[in-house]
């Protein structure tokens, strides 16, 4: 009898360990992880030569967030339509805090000293956001850098835009002296 009582205690201990491990793993899944998939700098002149930054809203196609079965525009659709401007605001805030550029603006005409931030959303969903950010020379319009990033385990898309703006600003900071 003592052997079966001991085996029952071992089973309970193993079950408790398994449940504890599952709870720890579930807690890790709730946090957001970022994966930078691509960083390419092709600029022939140094990046620090740009003194101005023009931040344009990233392109967000409605088919990434809209329900095609709905005939009208829903409040959900209206909220998602404002996300590119919100992301641009976060990028502007983080870049301004690092003091990398003398002038940062969201609209206007670029010149040779301007670096233009543009791009598009590739995927926008509850669990994953993927963006491609292009940096262009304001004088020539030539692409000088590309940044592709995926934010995983996104529980609420709108809450993750601050993190995404920080990642774009970090990319600008990393390539500043390339």
Foldseek 3Di string as FASTA:
>chain_A
DVVVVVVVVVVVVVVVVVVVVVVVVVVVLQDKDKDWDDKDFADPDALLLQQEEAEEFEDEDLVQFDDPVDPDDDVSSVVVVCLSVVLSVLLVVLLVVVNSHPYYYHDDQFAQSYKYWYWHWPHQDQFKTKIKIFIAGRHPRHTGMIIIMMMGSHRDRSVCSNVVSNVVSVSSVVRNGD
